[in-house]
């Protein structure tokens, strides 16, 4: 089993920044991708971005490209999601997930990011 825990969420003003962290523990593998997802109130969960097991390559959803950055040193350290130039549409619960195949196997409980409307 792999346990994932997100942290770093909170209340932030429009245009502000936050850095979310995702820490993995348990039976972690050296080659697993980490992904970030979010779910806004009343909407389905959506893909935000992912980073490869080498922690070198990243892919982002168009809605966050250029504003959000995923980073990580290696598979044994946390993965981060830097959120910049936040807007009202970024209010959501943010989740990290991991996978070694095409299926996202493990999920964290999520961390809330809120921008006051």
N, C-alpha and C. Protein backbone atom coordinates (compact mmCIF):
# COMPACT_ATOMS: atom_id res chain seq x y z
N UNK A 1 0.82 -1.18 0.00
CA UNK A 1 0.00 0.00 0.00
C UNK A 1 0.88 1.25 0.00
N UNK A 2 0.37 2.27 -0.63
CA UNK A 2 1.03 3.56 -0.68
C UNK A 2 0.10 4.58 -0.05
N UNK A 3 0.63 5.39 0.80
CA UNK A 3 -0.16 6.46 1.40
C UNK A 3 0.34 7.80 0.87
N UNK A 4 -0.59 8.61 0.45
CA UNK A 4 -0.28 9.94 -0.05
C UNK A 4 -0.99 10.97 0.82
N UNK A 5 -0.29 12.04 1.13
CA UNK A 5 -0.89 13.10 1.94
C UNK A 5 -0.52 14.44 1.34
N UNK A 6 -1.54 15.22 1.04
CA UNK A 6 -1.32 16.57 0.53
C UNK A 6 -1.30 17.57 1.67
N UNK A 7 -0.62 18.66 1.45
CA UNK A 7 -0.62 19.76 2.41
C UNK A 7 -0.36 21.06 1.66
N UNK A 8 -0.60 22.16 2.36
CA UNK A 8 -0.29 23.47 1.79
C UNK A 8 -1.48 24.26 1.29
N UNK A 9 -2.65 23.68 1.33
CA UNK A 9 -3.82 24.42 0.88
C UNK A 9 -4.18 25.53 1.85
N UNK A 10 -5.12 26.37 1.42
CA UNK A 10 -5.57 27.45 2.29
C UNK A 10 -6.34 28.50 1.52
N UNK A 11 -6.51 29.62 2.18
CA UNK A 11 -7.24 30.75 1.62
C UNK A 11 -6.22 31.71 1.00
N UNK A 12 -6.47 32.09 -0.24
CA UNK A 12 -5.53 32.97 -0.92
C UNK A 12 -6.30 33.95 -1.78
N UNK A 13 -5.76 35.13 -1.95
CA UNK A 13 -6.41 36.16 -2.74
C UNK A 13 -6.17 35.94 -4.23
N UNK A 14 -7.04 36.50 -5.02
CA UNK A 14 -6.88 36.42 -6.48
C UNK A 14 -5.55 37.03 -6.87
N UNK A 15 -4.84 36.31 -7.72
CA UNK A 15 -3.52 36.75 -8.14
C UNK A 15 -2.39 36.23 -7.27
N UNK A 16 -2.76 35.59 -6.16
CA UNK A 16 -1.76 35.10 -5.23
C UNK A 16 -1.19 33.74 -5.62
N UNK A 17 -0.38 33.20 -4.72
CA UNK A 17 0.31 31.93 -4.97
C UNK A 17 0.21 31.02 -3.77
N UNK A 18 0.33 29.73 -4.04
CA UNK A 18 0.42 28.71 -3.00
C UNK A 18 1.34 27.61 -3.50
N UNK A 19 1.91 26.87 -2.56
CA UNK A 19 2.65 25.69 -2.93
C UNK A 19 2.09 24.50 -2.17
N UNK A 20 1.61 23.54 -2.93
CA UNK A 20 1.08 22.32 -2.35
C UNK A 20 2.16 21.24 -2.36
N UNK A 21 2.10 20.39 -1.36
CA UNK A 21 3.05 19.27 -1.27
C UNK A 21 2.29 17.97 -1.24
N UNK A 22 2.93 16.94 -1.76
CA UNK A 22 2.38 15.59 -1.70
C UNK A 22 3.49 14.66 -1.23
N UNK A 23 3.30 14.10 -0.05
CA UNK A 23 4.28 13.19 0.52
C UNK A 23 3.78 11.75 0.40
N UNK A 24 4.66 10.86 0.00
CA UNK A 24 4.31 9.45 -0.15
C UNK A 24 5.01 8.63 0.91
N UNK A 25 4.33 7.62 1.39
CA UNK A 25 4.92 6.69 2.35
C UNK A 25 4.36 5.31 2.11
N UNK A 26 4.93 4.35 2.80
CA UNK A 26 4.49 2.98 2.62
C UNK A 26 5.31 2.29 1.57
N UNK A 27 4.68 1.45 0.83
CA UNK A 27 5.39 0.65 -0.17
C UNK A 27 5.53 1.46 -1.45
N UNK A 28 6.44 2.40 -1.46
CA UNK A 28 6.63 3.23 -2.64
C UNK A 28 7.61 2.56 -3.60
N UNK A 29 7.40 2.75 -4.86
CA UNK A 29 8.26 2.22 -5.89
C UNK A 29 9.14 3.34 -6.44
N UNK A 30 10.26 2.99 -6.98
CA UNK A 30 11.15 4.02 -7.48
C UNK A 30 10.64 4.63 -8.79
N UNK A 31 9.85 3.88 -9.55
CA UNK A 31 9.38 4.40 -10.81
C UNK A 31 7.87 4.55 -10.81
N UNK A 32 7.42 5.65 -10.27
CA UNK A 32 6.00 5.93 -10.32
C UNK A 32 5.79 7.39 -10.67
N UNK A 33 4.76 7.61 -11.45
CA UNK A 33 4.38 8.97 -11.80
C UNK A 33 3.53 9.56 -10.68
N UNK A 34 3.61 10.85 -10.56
CA UNK A 34 2.74 11.58 -9.63
C UNK A 34 1.87 12.53 -10.43
N UNK A 35 0.63 12.56 -10.08
CA UNK A 35 -0.29 13.45 -10.76
C UNK A 35 -1.02 14.34 -9.77
N UNK A 36 -1.47 15.46 -10.27
CA UNK A 36 -2.31 16.36 -9.48
C UNK A 36 -3.65 16.52 -10.18
N UNK A 37 -4.69 16.49 -9.39
CA UNK A 37 -6.06 16.65 -9.87
C UNK A 37 -6.76 17.64 -8.96
N UNK A 38 -7.89 18.12 -9.40
CA UNK A 38 -8.68 19.00 -8.54
C UNK A 38 -10.15 18.81 -8.82
N UNK A 39 -10.94 19.13 -7.82
CA UNK A 39 -12.38 19.05 -7.95
C UNK A 39 -13.01 20.29 -7.34
N UNK A 40 -13.64 21.06 -8.20
CA UNK A 40 -14.33 22.27 -7.75
C UNK A 40 -15.74 21.91 -7.32
N UNK A 41 -16.35 22.75 -6.50
CA UNK A 41 -17.72 22.47 -6.05
C UNK A 41 -18.69 22.27 -7.22
N UNK A 42 -19.40 21.17 -7.19
CA UNK A 42 -20.40 20.90 -8.22
C UNK A 42 -19.84 20.43 -9.54
N UNK A 43 -18.52 20.18 -9.59
CA UNK A 43 -17.91 19.76 -10.84
C UNK A 43 -17.20 18.43 -10.66
N UNK A 44 -16.89 17.79 -11.78
CA UNK A 44 -16.16 16.54 -11.72
C UNK A 44 -14.68 16.81 -11.47
N UNK A 45 -14.01 15.80 -10.96
CA UNK A 45 -12.57 15.93 -10.76
C UNK A 45 -11.89 16.04 -12.11
N UNK A 46 -10.91 16.93 -12.18
CA UNK A 46 -10.21 17.13 -13.44
C UNK A 46 -8.70 17.03 -13.26
N UNK A 47 -8.05 16.65 -14.34
CA UNK A 47 -6.61 16.52 -14.35
C UNK A 47 -5.97 17.91 -14.35
N UNK A 48 -4.94 18.07 -13.52
CA UNK A 48 -4.19 19.32 -13.48
C UNK A 48 -2.83 19.16 -14.16
N UNK A 49 -2.10 18.10 -13.79
CA UNK A 49 -0.80 17.86 -14.38
C UNK A 49 -0.17 16.62 -13.79
N UNK A 50 0.95 16.24 -14.38
CA UNK A 50 1.66 15.08 -13.86
C UNK A 50 3.14 15.22 -14.11
N UNK A 51 3.91 14.46 -13.35
CA UNK A 51 5.36 14.46 -13.50
C UNK A 51 5.81 13.02 -13.60
N UNK A 52 6.76 12.75 -14.48
CA UNK A 52 7.19 11.38 -14.69
C UNK A 52 8.01 10.86 -13.51
N UNK A 53 8.27 9.57 -13.53
CA UNK A 53 8.99 8.95 -12.42
C UNK A 53 10.39 9.53 -12.29
N UNK A 54 10.98 9.99 -13.39
CA UNK A 54 12.31 10.58 -13.35
C UNK A 54 12.29 11.99 -12.76
N UNK A 55 11.05 12.53 -12.60
CA UNK A 55 10.87 13.89 -12.08
C UNK A 55 11.46 14.93 -13.01
N UNK A 56 11.55 14.58 -14.30
CA UNK A 56 12.09 15.51 -15.28
C UNK A 56 11.01 16.09 -16.18
N UNK A 57 10.13 15.24 -16.68
CA UNK A 57 9.11 15.68 -17.64
C UNK A 57 7.77 15.93 -16.96
N UNK A 58 7.10 16.97 -17.41
CA UNK A 58 5.79 17.31 -16.87
C UNK A 58 4.80 17.58 -18.01
N UNK A 59 3.55 17.39 -17.69
CA UNK A 59 2.45 17.69 -18.61
C UNK A 59 1.37 18.40 -17.81
N UNK A 60 0.74 19.41 -18.42
CA UNK A 60 -0.25 20.21 -17.71
C UNK A 60 -1.54 20.33 -18.53
N UNK A 61 -2.62 20.50 -17.81
CA UNK A 61 -3.87 20.85 -18.46
C UNK A 61 -3.76 22.27 -19.01
N UNK A 62 -4.48 22.53 -20.08
CA UNK A 62 -4.41 23.86 -20.70
C UNK A 62 -4.84 24.96 -19.74
N UNK A 63 -5.74 24.64 -18.85
CA UNK A 63 -6.29 25.65 -17.93
C UNK A 63 -5.27 26.16 -16.93
N UNK A 64 -4.19 25.40 -16.72
CA UNK A 64 -3.20 25.80 -15.72
C UNK A 64 -1.83 26.01 -16.32
N UNK A 65 -1.66 25.69 -17.59
CA UNK A 65 -0.35 25.79 -18.23
C UNK A 65 0.17 27.22 -18.15
N UNK A 66 1.42 27.34 -17.72
CA UNK A 66 2.02 28.65 -17.57
C UNK A 66 1.81 29.29 -16.21
N UNK A 67 0.90 28.71 -15.42
CA UNK A 67 0.64 29.25 -14.07
C UNK A 67 1.04 28.26 -12.98
N UNK A 68 0.87 26.99 -13.25
CA UNK A 68 1.16 25.96 -12.26
C UNK A 68 2.42 25.20 -12.67
N UNK A 69 3.19 24.77 -11.68
CA UNK A 69 4.40 24.02 -11.94
C UNK A 69 4.51 22.85 -10.98
N UNK A 70 4.76 21.67 -11.53
CA UNK A 70 4.97 20.47 -10.72
C UNK A 70 6.47 20.20 -10.67
N UNK A 71 6.95 19.88 -9.49
CA UNK A 71 8.37 19.58 -9.34
C UNK A 71 8.59 18.53 -8.27
N UNK A 72 9.77 17.95 -8.31
CA UNK A 72 10.13 16.95 -7.31
C UNK A 72 11.56 16.53 -7.55
N UNK A 73 12.26 16.19 -6.47
CA UNK A 73 13.65 15.80 -6.62
C UNK A 73 13.79 14.38 -7.14
N UNK A 74 13.14 13.47 -6.49
CA UNK A 74 13.16 12.08 -6.90
C UNK A 74 12.00 11.36 -6.25
N UNK A 75 11.92 10.07 -6.51
CA UNK A 75 10.75 9.32 -6.08
C UNK A 75 10.64 9.20 -4.56
N UNK A 76 11.70 9.49 -3.85
CA UNK A 76 11.65 9.34 -2.40
C UNK A 76 11.35 10.63 -1.68
N UNK A 77 11.10 11.69 -2.41
CA UNK A 77 10.84 12.98 -1.80
C UNK A 77 9.50 13.51 -2.25
N UNK A 78 8.97 14.50 -1.52
CA UNK A 78 7.67 15.03 -1.90
C UNK A 78 7.64 15.61 -3.31
N UNK A 79 6.46 15.62 -3.85
CA UNK A 79 6.21 16.30 -5.12
C UNK A 79 5.43 17.56 -4.81
N UNK A 80 5.76 18.63 -5.51
CA UNK A 80 5.15 19.92 -5.23
C UNK A 80 4.31 20.40 -6.42
N UNK A 81 3.32 21.17 -6.08
CA UNK A 81 2.52 21.86 -7.09
C UNK A 81 2.53 23.33 -6.73
N UNK A 82 3.25 24.12 -7.51
CA UNK A 82 3.30 25.57 -7.31
C UNK A 82 2.17 26.20 -8.10
N UNK A 83 1.32 26.93 -7.40
CA UNK A 83 0.18 27.58 -8.03
C UNK A 83 0.42 29.08 -8.03
N UNK A 84 0.49 29.68 -9.19
CA UNK A 84 0.70 31.12 -9.33
C UNK A 84 -0.46 31.76 -10.07
N UNK A 85 -0.60 33.04 -9.87
CA UNK A 85 -1.65 33.83 -10.54
C UNK A 85 -3.00 33.14 -10.41
N UNK A 86 -3.34 32.84 -9.19
CA UNK A 86 -4.59 32.12 -8.93
C UNK A 86 -5.81 32.97 -9.23
N UNK A 87 -6.82 32.31 -9.76
CA UNK A 87 -8.09 32.95 -10.06
C UNK A 87 -9.22 32.24 -9.37
N UNK A 88 -10.41 32.84 -9.43
CA UNK A 88 -11.57 32.26 -8.74
C UNK A 88 -11.84 30.84 -9.20
N UNK A 89 -11.58 30.55 -10.46
CA UNK A 89 -11.84 29.21 -11.00
C UNK A 89 -10.88 28.16 -10.45
N UNK A 90 -9.87 28.57 -9.73
CA UNK A 90 -8.92 27.62 -9.16
C UNK A 90 -9.36 27.11 -7.79
N UNK A 91 -10.43 27.66 -7.26
CA UNK A 91 -10.97 27.14 -6.00
C UNK A 91 -11.39 25.68 -6.18
N UNK A 92 -10.81 24.80 -5.38
CA UNK A 92 -11.09 23.37 -5.52
C UNK A 92 -10.36 22.61 -4.42
N UNK A 93 -10.72 21.35 -4.28
CA UNK A 93 -9.91 20.43 -3.50
C UNK A 93 -8.88 19.83 -4.45
N UNK A 94 -7.63 19.91 -4.05
CA UNK A 94 -6.53 19.42 -4.88
C UNK A 94 -6.06 18.08 -4.33
N UNK A 95 -5.93 17.12 -5.25
CA UNK A 95 -5.52 15.77 -4.89
C UNK A 95 -4.23 15.40 -5.62
N UNK A 96 -3.39 14.64 -4.96
CA UNK A 96 -2.28 14.01 -5.66
C UNK A 96 -2.58 12.52 -5.79
N UNK A 97 -2.00 11.93 -6.80
CA UNK A 97 -2.21 10.51 -7.07
C UNK A 97 -0.92 9.94 -7.65
N UNK A 98 -0.77 8.64 -7.51
CA UNK A 98 0.42 7.99 -8.06
C UNK A 98 0.02 6.79 -8.90
N UNK A 99 0.91 6.44 -9.83
CA UNK A 99 0.66 5.26 -10.65
C UNK A 99 1.98 4.71 -11.17
N UNK A 100 1.99 3.40 -11.42
CA UNK A 100 3.11 2.76 -12.09
C UNK A 100 2.66 2.21 -13.44
N UNK A 101 1.36 2.16 -13.67
CA UNK A 101 0.83 1.75 -14.98
C UNK A 101 -0.05 2.88 -15.49
N UNK A 102 -1.05 2.57 -16.27
CA UNK A 102 -1.92 3.61 -16.82
C UNK A 102 -3.02 4.02 -15.85
N UNK A 103 -3.15 3.33 -14.75
CA UNK A 103 -4.21 3.61 -13.78
C UNK A 103 -3.64 4.33 -12.57
N UNK A 104 -4.34 5.39 -12.17
CA UNK A 104 -3.94 6.09 -10.95
C UNK A 104 -4.42 5.24 -9.78
N UNK A 105 -3.45 4.61 -9.12
CA UNK A 105 -3.78 3.60 -8.11
C UNK A 105 -4.05 4.18 -6.73
N UNK A 106 -3.29 5.18 -6.35
CA UNK A 106 -3.37 5.69 -5.00
C UNK A 106 -3.65 7.19 -5.01
N UNK A 107 -4.47 7.59 -4.03
CA UNK A 107 -4.90 8.97 -3.95
C UNK A 107 -4.73 9.48 -2.53
N UNK A 108 -4.43 10.76 -2.43
CA UNK A 108 -4.43 11.39 -1.13
C UNK A 108 -5.83 11.88 -0.80
N UNK A 109 -6.03 12.33 0.43
CA UNK A 109 -7.35 12.81 0.87
C UNK A 109 -7.70 14.18 0.33
N UNK A 110 -6.72 14.92 -0.18
CA UNK A 110 -6.98 16.22 -0.76
C UNK A 110 -6.68 17.37 0.18
N UNK A 111 -6.44 18.53 -0.40
CA UNK A 111 -6.24 19.76 0.37
C UNK A 111 -7.01 20.88 -0.32
N UNK A 112 -7.68 21.68 0.49
CA UNK A 112 -8.58 22.70 -0.05
C UNK A 112 -7.83 23.98 -0.39
N UNK A 113 -8.08 24.49 -1.57
CA UNK A 113 -7.59 25.80 -1.99
C UNK A 113 -8.81 26.67 -2.25
N UNK A 114 -8.88 27.80 -1.56
CA UNK A 114 -10.05 28.66 -1.66
C UNK A 114 -9.65 30.08 -1.98
N UNK A 115 -10.33 30.64 -2.97
CA UNK A 115 -10.20 32.05 -3.28
C UNK A 115 -11.53 32.71 -2.98
N UNK A 116 -11.55 33.71 -2.13
CA UNK A 116 -12.82 34.34 -1.75
C UNK A 116 -13.44 35.06 -2.93
N UNK A 117 -14.72 34.78 -3.14
CA UNK A 117 -15.43 35.39 -4.27
C UNK A 117 -16.03 36.73 -3.88
